[in-house]
């Protein structure tokens, strides 16, 4: 075990953490924006809208994330002329855009089901109470239903965020130098994968530990009224 190599690799790998966080945070935020309306469409009484959302969820949950990244990054090149015609090729030729797009669509599908489960867990009486208050349908959802649904969904949502931290490592397959990408670069230079991956894995453990603590803090804050009543 080359401990000096492990010490030397800490700096380059640490400097790659912002890229990992940028991929993760951006994708999680965009994925959440996608997931909420998709969850509502999934519960829609419209057969067409419901099936569109279900198809989206089924595709992204049933195919490997790596395949999705390759389809968008390499596959978009097959439609270069069409993308140029609508001024989109300038985005699809960039690995960062393709990685964030794929990660966002992927996590959006999973979070869609998490949020849908949270909404379904809200008691029917809460819907009826919101109607009695005379709120509009949008305000009923925004002020009464969604906060309760999100509280129920937060543990599962936290797990999805942790999964996305790990999933961001696949962006290294399309030349993005995030944590895993830098680790692979160092391995190519040193031919000592064990030491490099131990350090890289330690950074992933650290990131996910911090995220776990943040999610736990959020759960305690959202459920503090239940602690007072117990």
C-alpha atoms as a PDB file:
ATOM      1  CA  UNK A   1       0.000   0.000   0.000  1.00  0.00           C
ATOM      2  CA  UNK A   2       1.531   3.285  -1.158  1.00  0.00           C
ATOM      3  CA  UNK A   3       0.481   5.740   1.553  1.00  0.00           C
ATOM      4  CA  UNK A   4       2.487   8.568   0.012  1.00  0.00           C
ATOM      5  CA  UNK A   5       0.521   8.215  -3.210  1.00  0.00           C
ATOM      6  CA  UNK A   6      -2.698   8.334  -1.205  1.00  0.00           C
ATOM      7  CA  UNK A   7      -1.579  11.545   0.470  1.00  0.00           C
ATOM      8  CA  UNK A   8      -0.522  13.049  -2.852  1.00  0.00           C
ATOM      9  CA  UNK A   9      -3.873  12.187  -4.452  1.00  0.00           C
ATOM     10  CA  UNK A  10      -5.920  13.958  -1.765  1.00  0.00           C
ATOM     11  CA  UNK A  11      -5.348  17.416  -3.267  1.00  0.00           C
ATOM     12  CA  UNK A  12      -6.353  16.652  -6.891  1.00  0.00           C
ATOM     13  CA  UNK A  13      -9.360  14.608  -5.781  1.00  0.00           C
ATOM     14  CA  UNK A  14     -10.485  17.237  -3.288  1.00  0.00           C
ATOM     15  CA  UNK A  15     -10.375  19.886  -6.010  1.00  0.00           C
ATOM     16  CA  UNK A  16     -12.716  17.701  -8.101  1.00  0.00           C
ATOM     17  CA  UNK A  17     -15.435  17.743  -5.427  1.00  0.00           C
ATOM     18  CA  UNK A  18     -16.991  21.037  -6.683  1.00  0.00           C
ATOM     19  CA  UNK A  19     -17.601  19.407 -10.077  1.00  0.00           C
ATOM     20  CA  UNK A  20     -19.282  16.434  -8.394  1.00  0.00           C
ATOM     21  CA  UNK A  21     -21.409  18.752  -6.281  1.00  0.00           C
ATOM     22  CA  UNK A  22     -22.323  20.893  -9.283  1.00  0.00           C
ATOM     23  CA  UNK A  23     -23.485  17.840 -11.205  1.00  0.00           C
ATOM     24  CA  UNK A  24     -25.443  16.525  -8.247  1.00  0.00           C
ATOM     25  CA  UNK A  25     -27.038  19.738  -6.997  1.00  0.00           C
ATOM     26  CA  UNK A  26     -27.988  20.997 -10.462  1.00  0.00           C
ATOM     27  CA  UNK A  27     -29.448  17.642 -11.485  1.00  0.00           C
ATOM     28  CA  UNK A  28     -31.366  17.216  -8.227  1.00  0.00           C
ATOM     29  CA  UNK A  29     -32.870  20.700  -8.499  1.00  0.00           C
ATOM     30  CA  UNK A  30     -33.887  20.316 -12.147  1.00  0.00           C
ATOM     31  CA  UNK A  31     -35.107  16.779 -11.469  1.00  0.00           C
ATOM     32  CA  UNK A  32     -37.335  18.057  -8.668  1.00  0.00           C
ATOM     33  CA  UNK A  33     -38.825  20.692 -10.977  1.00  0.00           C
ATOM     34  CA  UNK A  34     -39.559  17.936 -13.492  1.00  0.00           C
ATOM     35  CA  UNK A  35     -40.872  15.500 -10.885  1.00  0.00           C
ATOM     36  CA  UNK A  36     -43.632  17.608  -9.312  1.00  0.00           C
ATOM     37  CA  UNK A  37     -45.665  18.256 -12.483  1.00  0.00           C
ATOM     38  CA  UNK A  38     -44.966  14.706 -13.672  1.00  0.00           C
ATOM     39  CA  UNK A  39     -46.367  13.347 -10.404  1.00  0.00           C
ATOM     40  CA  UNK A  40     -49.503  15.453 -10.883  1.00  0.00           C
ATOM     41  CA  UNK A  41     -49.835  14.238 -14.481  1.00  0.00           C
ATOM     42  CA  UNK A  42     -49.365  10.673 -13.244  1.00  0.00           C
ATOM     43  CA  UNK A  43     -52.386  11.185 -10.981  1.00  0.00           C
ATOM     44  CA  UNK A  44     -54.389  13.019 -13.619  1.00  0.00           C
ATOM     45  CA  UNK A  45     -57.804  11.747 -14.631  1.00  0.00           C
ATOM     46  CA  UNK A  46     -56.757  12.281 -18.241  1.00  0.00           C
ATOM     47  CA  UNK A  47     -55.795   8.912 -19.698  1.00  0.00           C
ATOM     48  CA  UNK A  48     -53.368  10.451 -22.213  1.00  0.00           C
ATOM     49  CA  UNK A  49     -51.548  12.690 -19.718  1.00  0.00           C
ATOM     50  CA  UNK A  50     -51.329   9.909 -17.165  1.00  0.00           C
ATOM     51  CA  UNK A  51     -49.862   7.500 -19.711  1.00  0.00           C
ATOM     52  CA  UNK A  52     -47.331  10.059 -20.940  1.00  0.00           C
ATOM     53  CA  UNK A  53     -46.035  10.499 -17.401  1.00  0.00           C
ATOM     54  CA  UNK A  54     -46.121   6.747 -16.770  1.00  0.00           C
ATOM     55  CA  UNK A  55     -44.138   6.132 -19.961  1.00  0.00           C
ATOM     56  CA  UNK A  56     -41.513   8.666 -18.953  1.00  0.00           C
ATOM     57  CA  UNK A  57     -41.169   7.116 -15.508  1.00  0.00           C
ATOM     58  CA  UNK A  58     -41.064   3.582 -16.895  1.00  0.00           C
ATOM     59  CA  UNK A  59     -38.331   4.365 -19.423  1.00  0.00           C
ATOM     60  CA  UNK A  60     -35.951   6.142 -17.072  1.00  0.00           C
ATOM     61  CA  UNK A  61     -36.489   3.700 -14.201  1.00  0.00           C
ATOM     62  CA  UNK A  62     -36.178   0.603 -16.383  1.00  0.00           C
ATOM     63  CA  UNK A  63     -33.004   1.369 -18.345  1.00  0.00           C
ATOM     64  CA  UNK A  64     -29.455   1.767 -16.982  1.00  0.00           C
ATOM     65  CA  UNK A  65     -28.330   5.329 -16.327  1.00  0.00           C
ATOM     66  CA  UNK A  66     -25.109   4.671 -18.245  1.00  0.00           C
ATOM     67  CA  UNK A  67     -27.123   3.704 -21.331  1.00  0.00           C
ATOM     68  CA  UNK A  68     -29.188   6.878 -20.972  1.00  0.00           C
ATOM     69  CA  UNK A  69     -26.023   8.999 -20.815  1.00  0.00           C
ATOM     70  CA  UNK A  70     -24.644   7.340 -23.939  1.00  0.00           C
ATOM     71  CA  UNK A  71     -27.965   7.687 -25.774  1.00  0.00           C
ATOM     72  CA  UNK A  72     -28.106  11.425 -25.141  1.00  0.00           C
ATOM     73  CA  UNK A  73     -24.390  12.235 -25.517  1.00  0.00           C
ATOM     74  CA  UNK A  74     -23.476   9.971 -28.425  1.00  0.00           C
ATOM     75  CA  UNK A  75     -26.958   9.482 -29.864  1.00  0.00           C
ATOM     76  CA  UNK A  76     -27.649  13.201 -30.265  1.00  0.00           C
ATOM     77  CA  UNK A  77     -24.835  13.319 -32.818  1.00  0.00           C
ATOM     78  CA  UNK A  78     -27.039  11.280 -35.153  1.00  0.00           C
ATOM     79  CA  UNK A  79     -29.453  14.216 -35.238  1.00  0.00           C
ATOM     80  CA  UNK A  80     -26.912  17.004 -35.548  1.00  0.00           C
ATOM     81  CA  UNK A  81     -28.526  18.667 -38.563  1.00  0.00           C
ATOM     82  CA  UNK A  82     -31.957  18.657 -36.913  1.00  0.00           C
ATOM     83  CA  UNK A  83     -30.532  20.028 -33.666  1.00  0.00           C
ATOM     84  CA  UNK A  84     -28.594  22.715 -35.536  1.00  0.00           C
ATOM     85  CA  UNK A  85     -31.813  23.742 -37.275  1.00  0.00           C
ATOM     86  CA  UNK A  86     -33.361  24.603 -33.895  1.00  0.00           C
ATOM     87  CA  UNK A  87     -30.125  25.949 -32.388  1.00  0.00           C
ATOM     88  CA  UNK A  88     -29.761  23.109 -29.880  1.00  0.00           C
ATOM     89  CA  UNK A  89     -26.613  21.405 -31.154  1.00  0.00           C
ATOM     90  CA  UNK A  90     -24.430  23.941 -29.316  1.00  0.00           C
ATOM     91  CA  UNK A  91     -25.804  22.429 -26.087  1.00  0.00           C
ATOM     92  CA  UNK A  92     -25.905  18.740 -26.988  1.00  0.00           C
ATOM     93  CA  UNK A  93     -22.287  18.749 -28.108  1.00  0.00           C
ATOM     94  CA  UNK A  94     -21.241  19.704 -24.576  1.00  0.00           C
ATOM     95  CA  UNK A  95     -20.687  16.779 -22.177  1.00  0.00           C
ATOM     96  CA  UNK A  96     -21.733  18.871 -19.149  1.00  0.00           C
ATOM     97  CA  UNK A  97     -25.108  19.651 -20.683  1.00  0.00           C
ATOM     98  CA  UNK A  98     -25.711  16.032 -21.652  1.00  0.00           C
ATOM     99  CA  UNK A  99     -24.673  14.747 -18.229  1.00  0.00           C
ATOM    100  CA  UNK A 100     -26.893  17.187 -16.340  1.00  0.00           C
ATOM    101  CA  UNK A 101     -29.809  16.582 -18.716  1.00  0.00           C
ATOM    102  CA  UNK A 102     -29.575  12.811 -18.319  1.00  0.00           C
ATOM    103  CA  UNK A 103     -29.113  12.882 -14.556  1.00  0.00           C
ATOM    104  CA  UNK A 104     -32.021  15.328 -14.214  1.00  0.00           C
ATOM    105  CA  UNK A 105     -34.380  13.230 -16.310  1.00  0.00           C
ATOM    106  CA  UNK A 106     -33.317  10.083 -14.472  1.00  0.00           C
ATOM    107  CA  UNK A 107     -33.760  11.431 -10.958  1.00  0.00           C
ATOM    108  CA  UNK A 108     -36.949  13.211 -12.056  1.00  0.00           C
ATOM    109  CA  UNK A 109     -38.513   9.840 -12.843  1.00  0.00           C
ATOM    110  CA  UNK A 110     -37.652   8.399  -9.436  1.00  0.00           C
ATOM    111  CA  UNK A 111     -38.643  11.526  -7.520  1.00  0.00           C
ATOM    112  CA  UNK A 112     -41.916  11.629  -9.463  1.00  0.00           C
ATOM    113  CA  UNK A 113     -42.905   8.326  -7.865  1.00  0.00           C
ATOM    114  CA  UNK A 114     -41.625   9.435  -4.454  1.00  0.00           C
ATOM    115  CA  UNK A 115     -43.734  12.596  -4.571  1.00  0.00           C
ATOM    116  CA  UNK A 116     -46.749  10.724  -5.919  1.00  0.00           C
ATOM    117  CA  UNK A 117     -46.490   8.350  -2.985  1.00  0.00           C
ATOM    118  CA  UNK A 118     -46.251  11.302  -0.618  1.00  0.00           C
ATOM    119  CA  UNK A 119     -49.348  12.921  -2.102  1.00  0.00           C
ATOM    120  CA  UNK A 120     -51.324   9.689  -1.909  1.00  0.00           C
ATOM    121  CA  UNK A 121     -50.329   9.356   1.748  1.00  0.00           C
ATOM    122  CA  UNK A 122     -52.120  12.608   2.649  1.00  0.00           C
ATOM    123  CA  UNK A 123     -55.431  11.787   4.295  1.00  0.00           C
ATOM    124  CA  UNK A 124     -58.586  12.550   2.328  1.00  0.00           C
ATOM    125  CA  UNK A 125     -59.740  14.708   5.205  1.00  0.00           C
ATOM    126  CA  UNK A 126     -56.909  17.136   4.503  1.00  0.00           C
ATOM    127  CA  UNK A 127     -58.179  17.640   0.955  1.00  0.00           C
ATOM    128  CA  UNK A 128     -61.683  18.208   2.249  1.00  0.00           C
ATOM    129  CA  UNK A 129     -60.458  20.654   4.897  1.00  0.00           C
ATOM    130  CA  UNK A 130     -58.563  22.616   2.241  1.00  0.00           C
ATOM    131  CA  UNK A 131     -61.728  22.845   0.155  1.00  0.00           C
ATOM    132  CA  UNK A 132     -63.736  24.065   3.141  1.00  0.00           C
ATOM    133  CA  UNK A 133     -61.224  26.898   3.595  1.00  0.00           C
ATOM    134  CA  UNK A 134     -62.266  28.171   0.181  1.00  0.00           C
ATOM    135  CA  UNK A 135     -58.782  27.940  -1.279  1.00  0.00           C
ATOM    136  CA  UNK A 136     -58.237  27.632  -5.000  1.00  0.00           C
ATOM    137  CA  UNK A 137     -57.156  24.237  -6.286  1.00  0.00           C
ATOM    138  CA  UNK A 138     -53.586  25.525  -6.711  1.00  0.00           C
ATOM    139  CA  UNK A 139     -53.483  27.004  -3.197  1.00  0.00           C
ATOM    140  CA  UNK A 140     -54.939  23.799  -1.748  1.00  0.00           C
ATOM    141  CA  UNK A 141     -52.041  21.874  -3.226  1.00  0.00           C
ATOM    142  CA  UNK A 142     -49.355  24.486  -2.489  1.00  0.00           C
ATOM    143  CA  UNK A 143     -50.304  25.404   1.073  1.00  0.00           C
ATOM    144  CA  UNK A 144     -51.955  22.280   2.468  1.00  0.00           C
ATOM    145  CA  UNK A 145     -51.289  19.097   0.524  1.00  0.00           C
ATOM    146  CA  UNK A 146     -47.750  19.437  -0.815  1.00  0.00           C
ATOM    147  CA  UNK A 147     -46.080  20.398   2.503  1.00  0.00           C
ATOM    148  CA  UNK A 148     -47.541  17.280   4.103  1.00  0.00           C
ATOM    149  CA  UNK A 149     -46.665  15.135   1.097  1.00  0.00           C
ATOM    150  CA  UNK A 150     -43.084  16.408   1.066  1.00  0.00           C
ATOM    151  CA  UNK A 151     -42.684  15.657   4.771  1.00  0.00           C
ATOM    152  CA  UNK A 152     -43.766  12.084   4.115  1.00  0.00           C
ATOM    153  CA  UNK A 153     -41.532  11.795   1.062  1.00  0.00           C
ATOM    154  CA  UNK A 154     -38.399  13.363   2.547  1.00  0.00           C
ATOM    155  CA  UNK A 155     -36.690  10.149   3.775  1.00  0.00           C
ATOM    156  CA  UNK A 156     -37.049   8.506   0.362  1.00  0.00           C
ATOM    157  CA  UNK A 157     -36.072  11.752  -1.349  1.00  0.00           C
ATOM    158  CA  UNK A 158     -32.937  11.912   0.793  1.00  0.00           C
ATOM    159  CA  UNK A 159     -32.003   8.429  -0.394  1.00  0.00           C
ATOM    160  CA  UNK A 160     -32.431   9.577  -3.989  1.00  0.00           C
ATOM    161  CA  UNK A 161     -30.082  12.522  -3.423  1.00  0.00           C
ATOM    162  CA  UNK A 162     -27.436  10.151  -2.049  1.00  0.00           C
ATOM    163  CA  UNK A 163     -27.922   7.886  -5.064  1.00  0.00           C
ATOM    164  CA  UNK A 164     -27.390  10.887  -7.342  1.00  0.00           C
ATOM    165  CA  UNK A 165     -24.070  11.702  -5.672  1.00  0.00           C
ATOM    166  CA  UNK A 166     -22.895   8.220  -6.585  1.00  0.00           C
ATOM    167  CA  UNK A 167     -24.540   8.311 -10.005  1.00  0.00           C
ATOM    168  CA  UNK A 168     -22.643  11.493 -10.885  1.00  0.00           C
ATOM    169  CA  UNK A 169     -19.533   9.306 -11.174  1.00  0.00           C
ATOM    170  CA  UNK A 170     -20.894   8.024 -14.504  1.00  0.00           C
ATOM    171  CA  UNK A 171     -20.310  11.465 -15.989  1.00  0.00           C
ATOM    172  CA  UNK A 172     -16.636  10.498 -16.137  1.00  0.00           C
ATOM    173  CA  UNK A 173     -17.524   8.190 -19.044  1.00  0.00           C
ATOM    174  CA  UNK A 174     -18.154  11.237 -21.247  1.00  0.00           C
ATOM    175  CA  UNK A 175     -14.920  13.078 -20.357  1.00  0.00           C
ATOM    176  CA  UNK A 176     -16.153  15.109 -17.357  1.00  0.00           C
ATOM    177  CA  UNK A 177     -13.433  15.381 -14.738  1.00  0.00           C
ATOM    178  CA  UNK A 178     -15.438  15.081 -11.558  1.00  0.00           C
ATOM    179  CA  UNK A 179     -14.257  12.975  -8.617  1.00  0.00           C
ATOM    180  CA  UNK A 180     -14.224   9.634 -10.424  1.00  0.00           C
ATOM    181  CA  UNK A 181     -12.891  11.223 -13.611  1.00  0.00           C
ATOM    182  CA  UNK A 182      -9.886  12.655 -11.760  1.00  0.00           C
ATOM    183  CA  UNK A 183      -9.384   9.313 -10.000  1.00  0.00           C
ATOM    184  CA  UNK A 184      -9.252   7.543 -13.376  1.00  0.00           C
ATOM    185  CA  UNK A 185      -6.809  10.166 -14.653  1.00  0.00           C
ATOM    186  CA  UNK A 186      -4.509   9.607 -11.663  1.00  0.00           C
ATOM    187  CA  UNK A 187      -4.749   5.841 -12.092  1.00  0.00           C
ATOM    188  CA  UNK A 188      -3.732   6.175 -15.738  1.00  0.00           C
ATOM    189  CA  UNK A 189      -0.643   8.081 -14.585  1.00  0.00           C
ATOM    190  CA  UNK A 190       0.326   5.879 -11.626  1.00  0.00           C
ATOM    191  CA  UNK A 191      -1.091   2.408 -12.462  1.00  0.00           C
ATOM    192  CA  UNK A 192      -2.113   2.051  -8.809  1.00  0.00           C
ATOM    193  CA  UNK A 193      -5.925   1.932  -8.715  1.00  0.00           C
ATOM    194  CA  UNK A 194      -6.343   0.616  -5.162  1.00  0.00           C
ATOM    195  CA  UNK A 195      -4.828   3.610  -3.388  1.00  0.00           C
ATOM    196  CA  UNK A 196      -6.550   6.154  -5.627  1.00  0.00           C
ATOM    197  CA  UNK A 197      -9.987   4.587  -5.338  1.00  0.00           C
ATOM    198  CA  UNK A 198      -9.664   4.288  -1.556  1.00  0.00           C
ATOM    199  CA  UNK A 199      -9.167   8.044  -1.344  1.00  0.00           C
ATOM    200  CA  UNK A 200     -11.927   8.750  -3.906  1.00  0.00           C
ATOM    201  CA  UNK A 201     -14.308   6.418  -2.064  1.00  0.00           C
ATOM    202  CA  UNK A 202     -13.513   8.197   1.190  1.00  0.00           C
ATOM    203  CA  UNK A 203     -14.564  11.504  -0.347  1.00  0.00           C
ATOM    204  CA  UNK A 204     -17.857   9.978  -1.524  1.00  0.00           C
ATOM    205  CA  UNK A 205     -18.409   8.651   2.000  1.00  0.00           C
ATOM    206  CA  UNK A 206     -17.764  12.121   3.406  1.00  0.00           C
ATOM    207  CA  UNK A 207     -20.159  13.794   0.981  1.00  0.00           C
ATOM    208  CA  UNK A 208     -22.926  11.306   1.642  1.00  0.00           C
ATOM    209  CA  UNK A 209     -22.411  11.541   5.390  1.00  0.00           C
ATOM    210  CA  UNK A 210     -22.897  15.314   5.210  1.00  0.00           C
ATOM    211  CA  UNK A 211     -25.995  14.914   3.033  1.00  0.00           C
ATOM    212  CA  UNK A 212     -27.422  12.279   5.402  1.00  0.00           C
ATOM    213  CA  UNK A 213     -26.992  14.650   8.325  1.00  0.00           C
ATOM    214  CA  UNK A 214     -28.644  17.485   6.402  1.00  0.00           C
ATOM    215  CA  UNK A 215     -31.613  15.294   5.485  1.00  0.00           C
ATOM    216  CA  UNK A 216     -31.935  14.122   9.095  1.00  0.00           C
ATOM    217  CA  UNK A 217     -31.891  17.742  10.252  1.00  0.00           C
ATOM    218  CA  UNK A 218     -34.582  18.595   7.707  1.00  0.00           C
ATOM    219  CA  UNK A 219     -36.731  15.706   8.916  1.00  0.00           C
ATOM    220  CA  UNK A 220     -36.428  16.849  12.517  1.00  0.00           C
ATOM    221  CA  UNK A 221     -37.346  20.412  11.565  1.00  0.00           C
ATOM    222  CA  UNK A 222     -40.373  19.350   9.551  1.00  0.00           C
ATOM    223  CA  UNK A 223     -41.570  16.985  12.261  1.00  0.00           C
ATOM    224  CA  UNK A 224     -40.802  19.154  15.281  1.00  0.00           C
ATOM    225  CA  UNK A 225     -44.512  19.712  15.946  1.00  0.00           C
ATOM    226  CA  UNK A 226     -44.943  15.949  16.344  1.00  0.00           C
ATOM    227  CA  UNK A 227     -42.087  15.849  18.879  1.00  0.00           C
ATOM    228  CA  UNK A 228     -43.756  18.602  20.920  1.00  0.00           C
ATOM    229  CA  UNK A 229     -47.077  16.747  20.924  1.00  0.00           C
ATOM    230  CA  UNK A 230     -45.563  13.431  21.988  1.00  0.00           C
END
